[in-house]
Amino acid sequence: MLAILCLIISMVLGVAGQLFIKKGLNLLGNINFASGIVSSYIKIFFSPLVIIGISVYFLGVFFWLYALSKVDLSFAYPFVSLSYILVLFSSWWLLGEGISLVRWTGVAAVCLGVFLISRS
């Protein structure tokens, strides 16, 4: 049970990290990589929200490592796909992104697949 909790925590931290990174990139505006890849990445990596996002994402790795030490990878990895669902809802709710019917359908298929795998 603790392993599943760690899988969930890892997934939530991964999603939160992605949201912080995206919000940080949105605040930076249009980044012109053609004017210099190195300078563009320096600008990105010094953004406070990107730094927080990477840190939160990295924290999730520790929970993931614990979970993997307790359960099969073939059981654990489908839980990662649940992050697609959280990202979809969070992007819509927190970032105001539009979600098409095709994306909703895809997420429903992912949910069904994760449910079937979790039953094994």
PDB file of N, CA and C in Angstrom:
ATOM      1  N   MET A   1       0.825  -1.208   0.000  1.00  0.00           N
ATOM      2  CA  MET A   1       0.000   0.000   0.000  1.00  0.00           C
ATOM      3  C   MET A   1       0.863   1.265   0.000  1.00  0.00           C
ATOM      4  N   LEU A   2       1.970   1.221   0.758  1.00  0.00           N
ATOM      5  CA  LEU A   2       2.864   2.380   0.785  1.00  0.00           C
ATOM      6  C   LEU A   2       3.483   2.615  -0.591  1.00  0.00           C
ATOM      7  N   ALA A   3       3.773   1.536  -1.300  1.00  0.00           N
ATOM      8  CA  ALA A   3       4.354   1.677  -2.637  1.00  0.00           C
ATOM      9  C   ALA A   3       3.377   2.390  -3.571  1.00  0.00           C
ATOM     10  N   ILE A   4       2.104   2.054  -3.494  1.00  0.00           N
ATOM     11  CA  ILE A   4       1.110   2.712  -4.345  1.00  0.00           C
ATOM     12  C   ILE A   4       0.985   4.184  -3.965  1.00  0.00           C
ATOM     13  N   LEU A   5       1.021   4.477  -2.674  1.00  0.00           N
ATOM     14  CA  LEU A   5       0.989   5.874  -2.234  1.00  0.00           C
ATOM     15  C   LEU A   5       2.198   6.632  -2.796  1.00  0.00           C
ATOM     16  N   CYS A   6       3.363   6.002  -2.766  1.00  0.00           N
ATOM     17  CA  CYS A   6       4.560   6.644  -3.314  1.00  0.00           C
ATOM     18  C   CYS A   6       4.445   6.839  -4.820  1.00  0.00           C
ATOM     19  N   LEU A   7       3.825   5.892  -5.522  1.00  0.00           N
ATOM     20  CA  LEU A   7       3.578   6.067  -6.951  1.00  0.00           C
ATOM     21  C   LEU A   7       2.701   7.282  -7.201  1.00  0.00           C
ATOM     22  N   ILE A   8       1.669   7.414  -6.410  1.00  0.00           N
ATOM     23  CA  ILE A   8       0.740   8.537  -6.564  1.00  0.00           C
ATOM     24  C   ILE A   8       1.433   9.860  -6.240  1.00  0.00           C
ATOM     25  N   ILE A   9       2.197   9.879  -5.154  1.00  0.00           N
ATOM     26  CA  ILE A   9       2.922  11.103  -4.784  1.00  0.00           C
ATOM     27  C   ILE A   9       3.910  11.474  -5.888  1.00  0.00           C
ATOM     28  N   SER A  10       4.621  10.487  -6.403  1.00  0.00           N
ATOM     29  CA  SER A  10       5.566  10.732  -7.488  1.00  0.00           C
ATOM     30  C   SER A  10       4.866  11.334  -8.693  1.00  0.00           C
ATOM     31  N   MET A  11       3.718  10.776  -9.028  1.00  0.00           N
ATOM     32  CA  MET A  11       2.952  11.260 -10.170  1.00  0.00           C
ATOM     33  C   MET A  11       2.483  12.700  -9.938  1.00  0.00           C
ATOM     34  N   VAL A  12       1.959  12.984  -8.764  1.00  0.00           N
ATOM     35  CA  VAL A  12       1.463  14.327  -8.459  1.00  0.00           C
ATOM     36  C   VAL A  12       2.613  15.344  -8.480  1.00  0.00           C
ATOM     37  N   LEU A  13       3.749  14.972  -7.918  1.00  0.00           N
ATOM     38  CA  LEU A  13       4.897  15.880  -7.945  1.00  0.00           C
ATOM     39  C   LEU A  13       5.391  16.106  -9.375  1.00  0.00           C
ATOM     40  N   GLY A  14       5.357  15.060 -10.196  1.00  0.00           N
ATOM     41  CA  GLY A  14       5.739  15.208 -11.595  1.00  0.00           C
ATOM     42  C   GLY A  14       4.830  16.175 -12.330  1.00  0.00           C
ATOM     43  N   VAL A  15       3.538  16.044 -12.089  1.00  0.00           N
ATOM     44  CA  VAL A  15       2.564  16.945 -12.728  1.00  0.00           C
ATOM     45  C   VAL A  15       2.757  18.374 -12.236  1.00  0.00           C
ATOM     46  N   ALA A  16       2.917  18.532 -10.929  1.00  0.00           N
ATOM     47  CA  ALA A  16       3.127  19.873 -10.374  1.00  0.00           C
ATOM     48  C   ALA A  16       4.388  20.496 -10.959  1.00  0.00           C
ATOM     49  N   GLY A  17       5.443  19.704 -11.082  1.00  0.00           N
ATOM     50  CA  GLY A  17       6.674  20.208 -11.673  1.00  0.00           C
ATOM     51  C   GLY A  17       6.459  20.678 -13.098  1.00  0.00           C
ATOM     52  N   GLN A  18       5.732  19.894 -13.887  1.00  0.00           N
ATOM     53  CA  GLN A  18       5.450  20.279 -15.270  1.00  0.00           C
ATOM     54  C   GLN A  18       4.642  21.577 -15.337  1.00  0.00           C
ATOM     55  N   LEU A  19       3.679  21.716 -14.432  1.00  0.00           N
ATOM     56  CA  LEU A  19       2.861  22.931 -14.419  1.00  0.00           C
ATOM     57  C   LEU A  19       3.689  24.167 -14.066  1.00  0.00           C
ATOM     58  N   PHE A  20       4.577  24.033 -13.084  1.00  0.00           N
ATOM     59  CA  PHE A  20       5.464  25.151 -12.743  1.00  0.00           C
ATOM     60  C   PHE A  20       6.359  25.508 -13.928  1.00  0.00           C
ATOM     61  N   ILE A  21       6.911  24.485 -14.582  1.00  0.00           N
ATOM     62  CA  ILE A  21       7.784  24.736 -15.735  1.00  0.00           C
ATOM     63  C   ILE A  21       7.015  25.459 -16.833  1.00  0.00           C
ATOM     64  N   LYS A  22       5.827  24.968 -17.153  1.00  0.00           N
ATOM     65  CA  LYS A  22       5.034  25.596 -18.216  1.00  0.00           C
ATOM     66  C   LYS A  22       4.662  27.029 -17.862  1.00  0.00           C
ATOM     67  N   LYS A  23       4.253  27.255 -16.618  1.00  0.00           N
ATOM     68  CA  LYS A  23       3.900  28.617 -16.193  1.00  0.00           C
ATOM     69  C   LYS A  23       5.123  29.534 -16.296  1.00  0.00           C
ATOM     70  N   GLY A  24       6.285  29.013 -15.890  1.00  0.00           N
ATOM     71  CA  GLY A  24       7.516  29.797 -15.994  1.00  0.00           C
ATOM     72  C   GLY A  24       7.850  30.135 -17.437  1.00  0.00           C
ATOM     73  N   LEU A  25       7.673  29.178 -18.335  1.00  0.00           N
ATOM     74  CA  LEU A  25       7.932  29.428 -19.753  1.00  0.00           C
ATOM     75  C   LEU A  25       6.925  30.414 -20.330  1.00  0.00           C
ATOM     76  N   ASN A  26       5.665  30.306 -19.899  1.00  0.00           N
ATOM     77  CA  ASN A  26       4.653  31.265 -20.360  1.00  0.00           C
ATOM     78  C   ASN A  26       5.027  32.689 -19.955  1.00  0.00           C
ATOM     79  N   LEU A  27       5.539  32.841 -18.750  1.00  0.00           N
ATOM     80  CA  LEU A  27       5.914  34.172 -18.272  1.00  0.00           C
ATOM     81  C   LEU A  27       7.123  34.733 -19.029  1.00  0.00           C
ATOM     82  N   LEU A  28       7.972  33.845 -19.531  1.00  0.00           N
ATOM     83  CA  LEU A  28       9.133  34.307 -20.294  1.00  0.00           C
ATOM     84  C   LEU A  28       8.733  34.822 -21.672  1.00  0.00           C
ATOM     85  N   GLY A  29       7.589  34.383 -22.152  1.00  0.00           N
ATOM     86  CA  GLY A  29       7.143  34.809 -23.475  1.00  0.00           C
ATOM     87  C   GLY A  29       7.820  34.013 -24.568  1.00  0.00           C
ATOM     88  N   ASN A  30       7.855  34.572 -25.755  1.00  0.00           N
ATOM     89  CA  ASN A  30       8.425  33.887 -26.905  1.00  0.00           C
ATOM     90  C   ASN A  30       9.941  33.834 -26.768  1.00  0.00           C
ATOM     91  N   ILE A  31      10.477  32.629 -26.756  1.00  0.00           N
ATOM     92  CA  ILE A  31      11.925  32.445 -26.657  1.00  0.00           C
ATOM     93  C   ILE A  31      12.441  32.139 -28.053  1.00  0.00           C
ATOM     94  N   ASN A  32      13.361  32.956 -28.519  1.00  0.00           N
ATOM     95  CA  ASN A  32      13.891  32.809 -29.865  1.00  0.00           C
ATOM     96  C   ASN A  32      15.177  31.996 -29.820  1.00  0.00           C
ATOM     97  N   PHE A  33      15.039  30.686 -30.032  1.00  0.00           N
ATOM     98  CA  PHE A  33      16.205  29.810 -30.004  1.00  0.00           C
ATOM     99  C   PHE A  33      17.153  30.081 -31.161  1.00  0.00           C
ATOM    100  N   ALA A  34      16.643  30.659 -32.235  1.00  0.00           N
ATOM    101  CA  ALA A  34      17.483  30.965 -33.392  1.00  0.00           C
ATOM    102  C   ALA A  34      18.533  32.024 -33.066  1.00  0.00           C
ATOM    103  N   SER A  35      18.240  32.867 -32.077  1.00  0.00           N
ATOM    104  CA  SER A  35      19.196  33.916 -31.719  1.00  0.00           C
ATOM    105  C   SER A  35      20.289  33.402 -30.785  1.00  0.00           C
ATOM    106  N   GLY A  36      20.186  32.181 -30.368  1.00  0.00           N
ATOM    107  CA  GLY A  36      21.218  31.598 -29.508  1.00  0.00           C
ATOM    108  C   GLY A  36      20.635  30.546 -28.578  1.00  0.00           C
ATOM    109  N   ILE A  37      20.987  29.306 -28.819  1.00  0.00           N
ATOM    110  CA  ILE A  37      20.446  28.215 -28.013  1.00  0.00           C
ATOM    111  C   ILE A  37      20.925  28.321 -26.575  1.00  0.00           C
ATOM    112  N   VAL A  38      22.197  28.563 -26.384  1.00  0.00           N
ATOM    113  CA  VAL A  38      22.756  28.623 -25.026  1.00  0.00           C
ATOM    114  C   VAL A  38      22.126  29.764 -24.237  1.00  0.00           C
ATOM    115  N   SER A  39      22.047  30.927 -24.835  1.00  0.00           N
ATOM    116  CA  SER A  39      21.462  32.067 -24.110  1.00  0.00           C
ATOM    117  C   SER A  39      19.982  31.836 -23.825  1.00  0.00           C
ATOM    118  N   SER A  40      19.302  31.160 -24.739  1.00  0.00           N
ATOM    119  CA  SER A  40      17.882  30.856 -24.514  1.00  0.00           C
ATOM    120  C   SER A  40      17.715  29.920 -23.322  1.00  0.00           C
ATOM    121  N   TYR A  41      18.537  28.870 -23.261  1.00  0.00           N
ATOM    122  CA  TYR A  41      18.434  27.938 -22.138  1.00  0.00           C
ATOM    123  C   TYR A  41      18.887  28.565 -20.825  1.00  0.00           C
ATOM    124  N   ILE A  42      19.846  29.454 -20.878  1.00  0.00           N
ATOM    125  CA  ILE A  42      20.245  30.171 -19.656  1.00  0.00           C
ATOM    126  C   ILE A  42      19.065  30.990 -19.137  1.00  0.00           C
ATOM    127  N   LYS A  43      18.393  31.664 -20.043  1.00  0.00           N
ATOM    128  CA  LYS A  43      17.202  32.443 -19.670  1.00  0.00           C
ATOM    129  C   LYS A  43      16.140  31.542 -19.049  1.00  0.00           C
ATOM    130  N   ILE A  44      15.923  30.378 -19.646  1.00  0.00           N
ATOM    131  CA  ILE A  44      14.924  29.430 -19.141  1.00  0.00           C
ATOM    132  C   ILE A  44      15.317  28.918 -17.762  1.00  0.00           C
ATOM    133  N   PHE A  45      16.553  28.453 -17.624  1.00  0.00           N
ATOM    134  CA  PHE A  45      16.969  27.820 -16.376  1.00  0.00           C
ATOM    135  C   PHE A  45      17.156  28.793 -15.217  1.00  0.00           C
ATOM    136  N   PHE A  46      17.145  30.091 -15.490  1.00  0.00           N
ATOM    137  CA  PHE A  46      17.197  31.063 -14.410  1.00  0.00           C
ATOM    138  C   PHE A  46      15.831  31.634 -14.068  1.00  0.00           C
ATOM    139  N   SER A  47      14.801  31.112 -14.700  1.00  0.00           N
ATOM    140  CA  SER A  47      13.433  31.510 -14.363  1.00  0.00           C
ATOM    141  C   SER A  47      13.046  30.854 -13.034  1.00  0.00           C
ATOM    142  N   PRO A  48      12.600  31.639 -12.044  1.00  0.00           N
ATOM    143  CA  PRO A  48      12.265  31.057 -10.734  1.00  0.00           C
ATOM    144  C   PRO A  48      11.236  29.928 -10.804  1.00  0.00           C
ATOM    145  N   LEU A  49      10.196  30.077 -11.622  1.00  0.00           N
ATOM    146  CA  LEU A  49       9.185  29.017 -11.698  1.00  0.00           C
ATOM    147  C   LEU A  49       9.727  27.759 -12.369  1.00  0.00           C
ATOM    148  N   VAL A  50      10.621  27.916 -13.327  1.00  0.00           N
ATOM    149  CA  VAL A  50      11.238  26.748 -13.956  1.00  0.00           C
ATOM    150  C   VAL A  50      12.128  26.030 -12.936  1.00  0.00           C
ATOM    151  N   ILE A  51      12.866  26.781 -12.148  1.00  0.00           N
ATOM    152  CA  ILE A  51      13.711  26.181 -11.101  1.00  0.00           C
ATOM    153  C   ILE A  51      12.848  25.421 -10.102  1.00  0.00           C
ATOM    154  N   ILE A  52      11.750  26.018  -9.676  1.00  0.00           N
ATOM    155  CA  ILE A  52      10.836  25.338  -8.744  1.00  0.00           C
ATOM    156  C   ILE A  52      10.275  24.079  -9.407  1.00  0.00           C
ATOM    157  N   GLY A  53       9.864  24.193 -10.656  1.00  0.00           N
ATOM    158  CA  GLY A  53       9.299  23.058 -11.365  1.00  0.00           C
ATOM    159  C   GLY A  53      10.267  21.893 -11.465  1.00  0.00           C
ATOM    160  N   ILE A  54      11.497  22.179 -11.829  1.00  0.00           N
ATOM    161  CA  ILE A  54      12.511  21.122 -11.932  1.00  0.00           C
ATOM    162  C   ILE A  54      12.766  20.497 -10.562  1.00  0.00           C
ATOM    163  N   SER A  55      12.794  21.323  -9.528  1.00  0.00           N
ATOM    164  CA  SER A  55      13.029  20.815  -8.166  1.00  0.00           C
ATOM    165  C   SER A  55      11.892  19.909  -7.705  1.00  0.00           C
ATOM    166  N   VAL A  56      10.660  20.329  -7.945  1.00  0.00           N
ATOM    167  CA  VAL A  56       9.500  19.528  -7.553  1.00  0.00           C
ATOM    168  C   VAL A  56       9.486  18.225  -8.340  1.00  0.00           C
ATOM    169  N   TYR A  57       9.743  18.316  -9.627  1.00  0.00           N
ATOM    170  CA  TYR A  57       9.794  17.125 -10.481  1.00  0.00           C
ATOM    171  C   TYR A  57      10.851  16.151  -9.967  1.00  0.00           C
ATOM    172  N   PHE A  58      12.025  16.673  -9.623  1.00  0.00           N
ATOM    173  CA  PHE A  58      13.119  15.850  -9.124  1.00  0.00           C
ATOM    174  C   PHE A  58      12.760  15.200  -7.786  1.00  0.00           C
ATOM    175  N   LEU A  59      12.050  15.908  -6.937  1.00  0.00           N
ATOM    176  CA  LEU A  59      11.613  15.341  -5.654  1.00  0.00           C
ATOM    177  C   LEU A  59      10.759  14.097  -5.885  1.00  0.00           C
ATOM    178  N   GLY A  60       9.941  14.131  -6.920  1.00  0.00           N
ATOM    179  CA  GLY A  60       9.109  12.975  -7.239  1.00  0.00           C
ATOM    180  C   GLY A  60       9.924  11.731  -7.560  1.00  0.00           C
ATOM    181  N   VAL A  61      11.151  11.911  -8.028  1.00  0.00           N
ATOM    182  CA  VAL A  61      12.017  10.778  -8.355  1.00  0.00           C
ATOM    183  C   VAL A  61      12.279   9.916  -7.118  1.00  0.00           C
ATOM    184  N   PHE A  62      12.426  10.526  -5.955  1.00  0.00           N
ATOM    185  CA  PHE A  62      12.702   9.766  -4.743  1.00  0.00           C
ATOM    186  C   PHE A  62      11.530   8.845  -4.384  1.00  0.00           C
ATOM    187  N   PHE A  63      10.321   9.343  -4.545  1.00  0.00           N
ATOM    188  CA  PHE A  63       9.141   8.510  -4.295  1.00  0.00           C
ATOM    189  C   PHE A  63       9.048   7.400  -5.337  1.00  0.00           C
ATOM    190  N   TRP A  64       9.386   7.725  -6.573  1.00  0.00           N
ATOM    191  CA  TRP A  64       9.377   6.746  -7.646  1.00  0.00           C
ATOM    192  C   TRP A  64      10.387   5.620  -7.358  1.00  0.00           C
ATOM    193  N   LEU A  65      11.577   5.991  -6.920  1.00  0.00           N
ATOM    194  CA  LEU A  65      12.598   4.989  -6.620  1.00  0.00           C
ATOM    195  C   LEU A  65      12.151   4.053  -5.498  1.00  0.00           C
ATOM    196  N   TYR A  66      11.549   4.619  -4.463  1.00  0.00           N
ATOM    197  CA  TYR A  66      11.051   3.769  -3.378  1.00  0.00           C
ATOM    198  C   TYR A  66       9.998   2.798  -3.909  1.00  0.00           C
ATOM    199  N   ALA A  67       9.042   3.312  -4.676  1.00  0.00           N
ATOM    200  CA  ALA A  67       7.970   2.470  -5.195  1.00  0.00           C
ATOM    201  C   ALA A  67       8.534   1.353  -6.076  1.00  0.00           C
ATOM    202  N   LEU A  68       9.496   1.698  -6.940  1.00  0.00           N
ATOM    203  CA  LEU A  68      10.068   0.683  -7.815  1.00  0.00           C
ATOM    204  C   LEU A  68      10.813  -0.398  -7.053  1.00  0.00           C
ATOM    205  N   SER A  69      11.305  -0.052  -5.884  1.00  0.00           N
ATOM    206  CA  SER A  69      11.995  -1.071  -5.083  1.00  0.00           C
ATOM    207  C   SER A  69      11.001  -2.057  -4.477  1.00  0.00           C
ATOM    208  N   LYS A  70       9.708  -1.735  -4.527  1.00  0.00           N
ATOM    209  CA  LYS A  70       8.683  -2.571  -3.883  1.00  0.00           C
ATOM    210  C   LYS A  70       7.748  -3.278  -4.857  1.00  0.00           C
ATOM    211  N   VAL A  71       7.578  -2.744  -6.060  1.00  0.00           N
ATOM    212  CA  VAL A  71       6.629  -3.339  -7.011  1.00  0.00           C
ATOM    213  C   VAL A  71       7.304  -3.540  -8.367  1.00  0.00           C
ATOM    214  N   ASP A  72       6.699  -4.374  -9.199  1.00  0.00           N
ATOM    215  CA  ASP A  72       7.198  -4.598 -10.551  1.00  0.00           C
ATOM    216  C   ASP A  72       7.063  -3.334 -11.388  1.00  0.00           C
ATOM    217  N   LEU A  73       8.025  -3.128 -12.267  1.00  0.00           N
ATOM    218  CA  LEU A  73       7.971  -1.983 -13.176  1.00  0.00           C
ATOM    219  C   LEU A  73       6.733  -2.072 -14.071  1.00  0.00           C
ATOM    220  N   SER A  74       6.385  -3.281 -14.480  1.00  0.00           N
ATOM    221  CA  SER A  74       5.217  -3.453 -15.341  1.00  0.00           C
ATOM    222  C   SER A  74       3.919  -3.084 -14.632  1.00  0.00           C
ATOM    223  N   PHE A  75       3.924  -3.068 -13.304  1.00  0.00           N
ATOM    224  CA  PHE A  75       2.779  -2.592 -12.528  1.00  0.00           C
ATOM    225  C   PHE A  75       2.863  -1.093 -12.300  1.00  0.00           C
ATOM    226  N   ALA A  76       4.063  -0.622 -11.978  1.00  0.00           N
ATOM    227  CA  ALA A  76       4.243   0.786 -11.603  1.00  0.00           C
ATOM    228  C   ALA A  76       4.113   1.740 -12.786  1.00  0.00           C
ATOM    229  N   TYR A  77       4.678   1.366 -13.920  1.00  0.00           N
ATOM    230  CA  TYR A  77       4.763   2.323 -15.018  1.00  0.00           C
ATOM    231  C   TYR A  77       3.417   2.790 -15.561  1.00  0.00           C
ATOM    232  N   PRO A  78       2.411   1.941 -15.613  1.00  0.00           N
ATOM    233  CA  PRO A  78       1.111   2.452 -16.065  1.00  0.00           C
ATOM    234  C   PRO A  78       0.558   3.583 -15.195  1.00  0.00           C
ATOM    235  N   PHE A  79       0.966   3.643 -13.930  1.00  0.00           N
ATOM    236  CA  PHE A  79       0.527   4.736 -13.075  1.00  0.00           C
ATOM    237  C   PHE A  79       1.044   6.078 -13.588  1.00  0.00           C
ATOM    238  N   VAL A  80       2.190   6.060 -14.256  1.00  0.00           N
ATOM    239  CA  VAL A  80       2.734   7.286 -14.828  1.00  0.00           C
ATOM    240  C   VAL A  80       1.745   7.870 -15.837  1.00  0.00           C
ATOM    241  N   SER A  81       1.047   6.991 -16.554  1.00  0.00           N
ATOM    242  CA  SER A  81       0.096   7.490 -17.546  1.00  0.00           C
ATOM    243  C   SER A  81      -1.073   8.228 -16.907  1.00  0.00           C
ATOM    244  N   LEU A  82      -1.297   7.992 -15.621  1.00  0.00           N
ATOM    245  CA  LEU A  82      -2.329   8.765 -14.926  1.00  0.00           C
ATOM    246  C   LEU A  82      -1.961  10.244 -14.868  1.00  0.00           C
ATOM    247  N   SER A  83      -0.675  10.520 -14.983  1.00  0.00           N
ATOM    248  CA  SER A  83      -0.255  11.922 -15.000  1.00  0.00           C
ATOM    249  C   SER A  83      -0.822  12.647 -16.216  1.00  0.00           C
ATOM    250  N   TYR A  84      -1.083  11.905 -17.308  1.00  0.00           N
ATOM    251  CA  TYR A  84      -1.705  12.531 -18.472  1.00  0.00           C
ATOM    252  C   TYR A  84      -3.054  13.127 -18.090  1.00  0.00           C
ATOM    253  N   ILE A  85      -3.780  12.408 -17.278  1.00  0.00           N
ATOM    254  CA  ILE A  85      -5.102  12.856 -16.852  1.00  0.00           C
ATOM    255  C   ILE A  85      -4.970  14.104 -15.985  1.00  0.00           C
ATOM    256  N   LEU A  86      -4.058  14.047 -15.020  1.00  0.00           N
ATOM    257  CA  LEU A  86      -3.860  15.200 -14.137  1.00  0.00           C
ATOM    258  C   LEU A  86      -3.363  16.418 -14.911  1.00  0.00           C
ATOM    259  N   VAL A  87      -2.459  16.193 -15.856  1.00  0.00           N
ATOM    260  CA  VAL A  87      -1.953  17.310 -16.654  1.00  0.00           C
ATOM    261  C   VAL A  87      -3.081  17.909 -17.486  1.00  0.00           C
ATOM    262  N   LEU A  88      -3.916  17.059 -18.068  1.00  0.00           N
ATOM    263  CA  LEU A  88      -5.023  17.546 -18.885  1.00  0.00           C
ATOM    264  C   LEU A  88      -5.953  18.437 -18.062  1.00  0.00           C
ATOM    265  N   PHE A  89      -6.404  17.923 -16.918  1.00  0.00           N
ATOM    266  CA  PHE A  89      -7.313  18.704 -16.069  1.00  0.00           C
ATOM    267  C   PHE A  89      -6.640  19.956 -15.515  1.00  0.00           C
ATOM    268  N   SER A  90      -5.397  19.811 -15.072  1.00  0.00           N
ATOM    269  CA  SER A  90      -4.682  20.952 -14.486  1.00  0.00           C
ATOM    270  C   SER A  90      -4.390  22.028 -15.521  1.00  0.00           C
ATOM    271  N   SER A  91      -4.038  21.608 -16.730  1.00  0.00           N
ATOM    272  CA  SER A  91      -3.772  22.581 -17.798  1.00  0.00           C
ATOM    273  C   SER A  91      -5.033  23.357 -18.148  1.00  0.00           C
ATOM    274  N   TRP A  92      -6.129  22.645 -18.161  1.00  0.00           N
ATOM    275  CA  TRP A  92      -7.428  23.286 -18.448  1.00  0.00           C
ATOM    276  C   TRP A  92      -7.815  24.236 -17.320  1.00  0.00           C
ATOM    277  N   TRP A  93      -7.707  23.760 -16.086  1.00  0.00           N
ATOM    278  CA  TRP A  93      -8.180  24.521 -14.925  1.00  0.00           C
ATOM    279  C   TRP A  93      -7.213  25.635 -14.533  1.00  0.00           C
ATOM    280  N   LEU A  94      -5.926  25.334 -14.452  1.00  0.00           N
ATOM    281  CA  LEU A  94      -4.954  26.298 -13.931  1.00  0.00           C
ATOM    282  C   LEU A  94      -4.313  27.174 -15.002  1.00  0.00           C
ATOM    283  N   LEU A  95      -4.161  26.640 -16.207  1.00  0.00           N
ATOM    284  CA  LEU A  95      -3.494  27.400 -17.265  1.00  0.00           C
ATOM    285  C   LEU A  95      -4.456  27.921 -18.317  1.00  0.00           C
ATOM    286  N   GLY A  96      -5.726  27.524 -18.211  1.00  0.00           N
ATOM    287  CA  GLY A  96      -6.736  28.002 -19.141  1.00  0.00           C
ATOM    288  C   GLY A  96      -6.597  27.439 -20.552  1.00  0.00           C
ATOM    289  N   GLU A  97      -5.969  26.275 -20.686  1.00  0.00           N
ATOM    290  CA  GLU A  97      -5.796  25.674 -21.998  1.00  0.00           C
ATOM    291  C   GLU A  97      -7.106  25.028 -22.465  1.00  0.00           C
ATOM    292  N   GLY A  98      -7.373  25.089 -23.748  1.00  0.00           N
ATOM    293  CA  GLY A  98      -8.541  24.440 -24.323  1.00  0.00           C
ATOM    294  C   GLY A  98      -8.267  22.959 -24.551  1.00  0.00           C
ATOM    295  N   ILE A  99      -9.238  22.119 -24.236  1.00  0.00           N
ATOM    296  CA  ILE A  99      -9.076  20.676 -24.392  1.00  0.00           C
ATOM    297  C   ILE A  99     -10.123  20.174 -25.389  1.00  0.00           C
ATOM    298  N   SER A 100      -9.671  19.580 -26.472  1.00  0.00           N
ATOM    299  CA  SER A 100     -10.584  19.104 -27.517  1.00  0.00           C
ATOM    300  C   SER A 100     -11.221  17.774 -27.116  1.00  0.00           C
ATOM    301  N   LEU A 101     -12.272  17.431 -27.813  1.00  0.00           N
ATOM    302  CA  LEU A 101     -12.956  16.154 -27.580  1.00  0.00           C
ATOM    303  C   LEU A 101     -12.019  14.977 -27.841  1.00  0.00           C
ATOM    304  N   VAL A 102     -11.156  15.107 -28.820  1.00  0.00           N
ATOM    305  CA  VAL A 102     -10.198  14.040 -29.115  1.00  0.00           C
ATOM    306  C   VAL A 102      -9.273  13.809 -27.916  1.00  0.00           C
ATOM    307  N   ARG A 103      -8.815  14.875 -27.279  1.00  0.00           N
ATOM    308  CA  ARG A 103      -7.953  14.725 -26.094  1.00  0.00           C
ATOM    309  C   ARG A 103      -8.720  14.074 -24.947  1.00  0.00           C
ATOM    310  N   TRP A 104      -9.966  14.502 -24.726  1.00  0.00           N
ATOM    311  CA  TRP A 104     -10.782  13.884 -23.668  1.00  0.00           C
ATOM    312  C   TRP A 104     -10.955  12.388 -23.927  1.00  0.00           C
ATOM    313  N   THR A 105     -11.175  12.032 -25.186  1.00  0.00           N
ATOM    314  CA  THR A 105     -11.345  10.631 -25.552  1.00  0.00           C
ATOM    315  C   THR A 105     -10.057   9.853 -25.299  1.00  0.00           C
ATOM    316  N   GLY A 106      -8.941  10.432 -25.653  1.00  0.00           N
ATOM    317  CA  GLY A 106      -7.653   9.789 -25.404  1.00  0.00           C
ATOM    318  C   GLY A 106      -7.401   9.553 -23.929  1.00  0.00           C
ATOM    319  N   VAL A 107      -7.753  10.529 -23.120  1.00  0.00           N
ATOM    320  CA  VAL A 107      -7.570  10.387 -21.675  1.00  0.00           C
ATOM    321  C   VAL A 107      -8.484   9.294 -21.126  1.00  0.00           C
ATOM    322  N   ALA A 108      -9.685   9.202 -21.645  1.00  0.00           N
ATOM    323  CA  ALA A 108     -10.599   8.135 -21.223  1.00  0.00           C
ATOM    324  C   ALA A 108     -10.004   6.771 -21.564  1.00  0.00           C
ATOM    325  N   ALA A 109      -9.382   6.649 -22.732  1.00  0.00           N
ATOM    326  CA  ALA A 109      -8.740   5.387 -23.121  1.00  0.00           C
ATOM    327  C   ALA A 109      -7.580   5.061 -22.181  1.00  0.00           C
ATOM    328  N   VAL A 110      -6.814   6.077 -21.804  1.00  0.00           N
ATOM    329  CA  VAL A 110      -5.714   5.872 -20.867  1.00  0.00           C
ATOM    330  C   VAL A 110      -6.251   5.381 -19.523  1.00  0.00           C
ATOM    331  N   CYS A 111      -7.316   6.002 -19.048  1.00  0.00           N
ATOM    332  CA  CYS A 111      -7.926   5.598 -17.766  1.00  0.00           C
ATOM    333  C   CYS A 111      -8.341   4.133 -17.811  1.00  0.00           C
ATOM    334  N   LEU A 112      -8.979   3.741 -18.887  1.00  0.00           N
ATOM    335  CA  LEU A 112      -9.419   2.358 -19.023  1.00  0.00           C
ATOM    336  C   LEU A 112      -8.220   1.423 -19.012  1.00  0.00           C
ATOM    337  N   GLY A 113      -7.184   1.773 -19.721  1.00  0.00           N
ATOM    338  CA  GLY A 113      -5.991   0.939 -19.749  1.00  0.00           C
ATOM    339  C   GLY A 113      -5.326   0.804 -18.388  1.00  0.00           C
ATOM    340  N   VAL A 114      -5.215   1.897 -17.664  1.00  0.00           N
ATOM    341  CA  VAL A 114      -4.620   1.857 -16.330  1.00  0.00           C
ATOM    342  C   VAL A 114      -5.474   1.012 -15.392  1.00  0.00           C
ATOM    343  N   PHE A 115      -6.776   1.153 -15.500  1.00  0.00           N
ATOM    344  CA  PHE A 115      -7.681   0.353 -14.678  1.00  0.00           C
ATOM    345  C   PHE A 115      -7.474  -1.132 -14.953  1.00  0.00           C
ATOM    346  N   LEU A 116      -7.399  -1.515 -16.215  1.00  0.00           N
ATOM    347  CA  LEU A 116      -7.221  -2.928 -16.562  1.00  0.00           C
ATOM    348  C   LEU A 116      -5.891  -3.463 -16.054  1.00  0.00           C
ATOM    349  N   ILE A 117      -4.832  -2.685 -16.195  1.00  0.00           N
ATOM    350  CA  ILE A 117      -3.522  -3.131 -15.726  1.00  0.00           C
ATOM    351  C   ILE A 117      -3.482  -3.231 -14.205  1.00  0.00           C
ATOM    352  N   SER A 118      -4.130  -2.300 -13.524  1.00  0.00           N
ATOM    353  CA  SER A 118      -4.120  -2.324 -12.060  1.00  0.00           C
ATOM    354  C   SER A 118      -4.859  -3.529 -11.507  1.00  0.00           C
ATOM    355  N   ARG A 119      -5.738  -4.120 -12.297  1.00  0.00           N
ATOM    356  CA  ARG A 119      -6.498  -5.290 -11.862  1.00  0.00           C
ATOM    357  C   ARG A 119      -5.705  -6.578 -11.983  1.00  0.00           C
ATOM    358  N   SER A 120      -4.533  -6.525 -12.608  1.00  0.00           N
ATOM    359  CA  SER A 120      -3.762  -7.746 -12.831  1.00  0.00           C
ATOM    360  C   SER A 120      -2.887  -8.102 -11.650  1.00  0.00           C
TER     361      SER A 120
END
